[in-house]
């Protein structure tokens, strides 16, 4: 991996980390001003971290668009569209399949966590 690619990945990790840190603390703590240290600094920023549901929807939309792209590429190859080769079609199809399996595993983990919480005795 080149230095440029590594720097790019590190910059993305830092930006995601900053976005994740922006939502630290509960809304009650932010409103009451009871946060201290890094959590207070992150919570006072003007940008709010996206809600969990929004992040989940973005992930589902990304998998959906990847599957649609792979399907369109496959259809173009079947029609004989110039510039579409089989290797590209297979790579895109496999990417979509891997993303879908990962999404399915995330869903299974959420369902398992939900069931564990619901089965806890109060």
Protein backbone atom coordinates (compact mmCIF):
# COMPACT_ATOMS: atom_id res chain seq x y z
CA UNK A 1 0.00 0.00 0.00
CA UNK A 2 1.40 3.39 -0.88
CA UNK A 3 1.92 6.20 1.61
CA UNK A 4 -0.83 8.18 -0.10
CA UNK A 5 -3.34 5.35 0.37
CA UNK A 6 -2.34 4.89 4.01
CA UNK A 7 -2.71 8.61 4.68
CA UNK A 8 -6.12 8.57 3.04
CA UNK A 9 -7.28 5.63 5.18
CA UNK A 10 -5.95 7.29 8.33
CA UNK A 11 -7.76 10.52 7.46
CA UNK A 12 -11.01 8.60 6.99
CA UNK A 13 -10.55 6.80 10.32
CA UNK A 14 -9.89 10.10 12.09
CA UNK A 15 -12.95 11.76 10.58
CA UNK A 16 -15.18 8.80 11.50
CA UNK A 17 -13.72 8.79 15.00
CA UNK A 18 -14.46 12.50 15.34
CA UNK A 19 -18.02 11.98 14.12
CA UNK A 20 -18.56 9.08 16.54
CA UNK A 21 -17.15 11.12 19.43
CA UNK A 22 -19.53 13.99 18.71
CA UNK A 23 -22.46 12.01 20.08
CA UNK A 24 -20.81 11.21 23.45
CA UNK A 25 -22.96 11.57 26.53
CA UNK A 26 -26.71 11.55 26.89
CA UNK A 27 -28.89 14.44 25.73
CA UNK A 28 -29.77 15.15 29.37
CA UNK A 29 -26.09 15.45 30.29
CA UNK A 30 -25.41 17.76 27.35
CA UNK A 31 -28.41 19.95 28.22
CA UNK A 32 -27.48 20.13 31.89
CA UNK A 33 -23.82 20.78 31.12
CA UNK A 34 -22.65 17.93 33.39
CA UNK A 35 -20.13 16.49 30.97
CA UNK A 36 -16.44 17.02 31.54
CA UNK A 37 -13.23 16.37 29.65
CA UNK A 38 -13.27 15.01 26.09
CA UNK A 39 -16.98 14.16 26.25
CA UNK A 40 -17.82 17.79 27.00
CA UNK A 41 -15.60 19.03 24.21
CA UNK A 42 -17.18 16.60 21.76
CA UNK A 43 -20.74 17.31 22.89
CA UNK A 44 -20.43 21.07 22.59
CA UNK A 45 -19.52 20.87 18.89
CA UNK A 46 -22.11 22.19 16.46
CA UNK A 47 -22.29 18.95 14.44
CA UNK A 48 -24.37 16.15 15.90
CA UNK A 49 -23.55 12.49 15.24
CA UNK A 50 -26.12 10.77 13.06
CA UNK A 51 -28.68 8.65 14.87
CA UNK A 52 -28.22 4.89 15.01
CA UNK A 53 -31.24 4.33 12.77
CA UNK A 54 -29.81 6.70 10.17
CA UNK A 55 -26.48 4.87 10.16
CA UNK A 56 -28.24 1.54 9.80
CA UNK A 57 -30.34 2.88 6.93
CA UNK A 58 -27.20 4.20 5.19
CA UNK A 59 -25.63 0.75 5.45
CA UNK A 60 -28.72 -0.96 4.06
CA UNK A 61 -28.94 1.57 1.24
CA UNK A 62 -25.26 1.02 0.40
CA UNK A 63 -25.76 -2.74 0.17
CA UNK A 64 -28.88 -2.23 -1.93
CA UNK A 65 -27.13 0.09 -4.37
CA UNK A 66 -24.21 -2.33 -4.64
CA UNK A 67 -26.59 -5.17 -5.50
CA UNK A 68 -28.42 -3.05 -8.05
CA UNK A 69 -25.12 -1.99 -9.62
CA UNK A 70 -23.95 -5.61 -9.86
CA UNK A 71 -27.29 -6.63 -11.37
CA UNK A 72 -27.16 -3.83 -13.95
CA UNK A 73 -23.59 -4.75 -14.86
CA UNK A 74 -24.60 -8.40 -15.23
CA UNK A 75 -27.53 -7.44 -17.46
CA UNK A 76 -25.23 -5.26 -19.58
CA UNK A 77 -22.80 -8.16 -20.01
CA UNK A 78 -25.63 -10.52 -20.97
CA UNK A 79 -26.79 -8.04 -23.61
CA UNK A 80 -23.27 -7.81 -24.99
CA UNK A 81 -22.68 -4.17 -24.17
CA UNK A 82 -19.17 -3.18 -25.30
CA UNK A 83 -16.68 -2.42 -22.53
CA UNK A 84 -18.26 -4.80 -19.99
CA UNK A 85 -16.06 -7.80 -19.32
CA UNK A 86 -16.87 -10.93 -17.35
CA UNK A 87 -14.16 -10.35 -14.75
CA UNK A 88 -15.64 -6.99 -13.79
CA UNK A 89 -19.13 -8.52 -13.58
CA UNK A 90 -17.92 -11.34 -11.33
CA UNK A 91 -15.97 -9.01 -9.04
CA UNK A 92 -18.97 -6.70 -8.58
CA UNK A 93 -21.28 -9.67 -8.00
CA UNK A 94 -18.96 -11.06 -5.34
CA UNK A 95 -18.64 -7.65 -3.65
CA UNK A 96 -22.43 -7.40 -3.48
CA UNK A 97 -22.69 -10.95 -2.12
CA UNK A 98 -20.09 -10.29 0.59
CA UNK A 99 -21.78 -7.03 1.60
CA UNK A 100 -25.15 -8.80 1.81
CA UNK A 101 -23.71 -11.61 3.96
CA UNK A 102 -22.12 -9.02 6.27
CA UNK A 103 -25.43 -7.16 6.55
CA UNK A 104 -27.21 -10.43 7.31
CA UNK A 105 -24.68 -11.20 10.04
CA UNK A 106 -25.17 -7.75 11.56
CA UNK A 107 -28.91 -8.32 11.55
CA UNK A 108 -28.46 -11.71 13.22
CA UNK A 109 -26.30 -10.15 15.93
CA UNK A 110 -28.88 -7.43 16.58
CA UNK A 111 -31.66 -10.00 16.84
CA UNK A 112 -29.55 -12.09 19.21
CA UNK A 113 -28.76 -9.06 21.39
CA UNK A 114 -32.43 -8.07 21.42
CA UNK A 115 -33.45 -11.59 22.47
CA UNK A 116 -30.81 -11.60 25.22
CA UNK A 117 -32.11 -8.29 26.55
CA UNK A 118 -35.73 -9.41 26.41
CA UNK A 119 -34.88 -12.64 28.28
CA UNK A 120 -33.15 -10.80 31.14
CA UNK A 121 -34.96 -10.96 34.42
CA UNK A 122 -35.81 -7.66 36.02
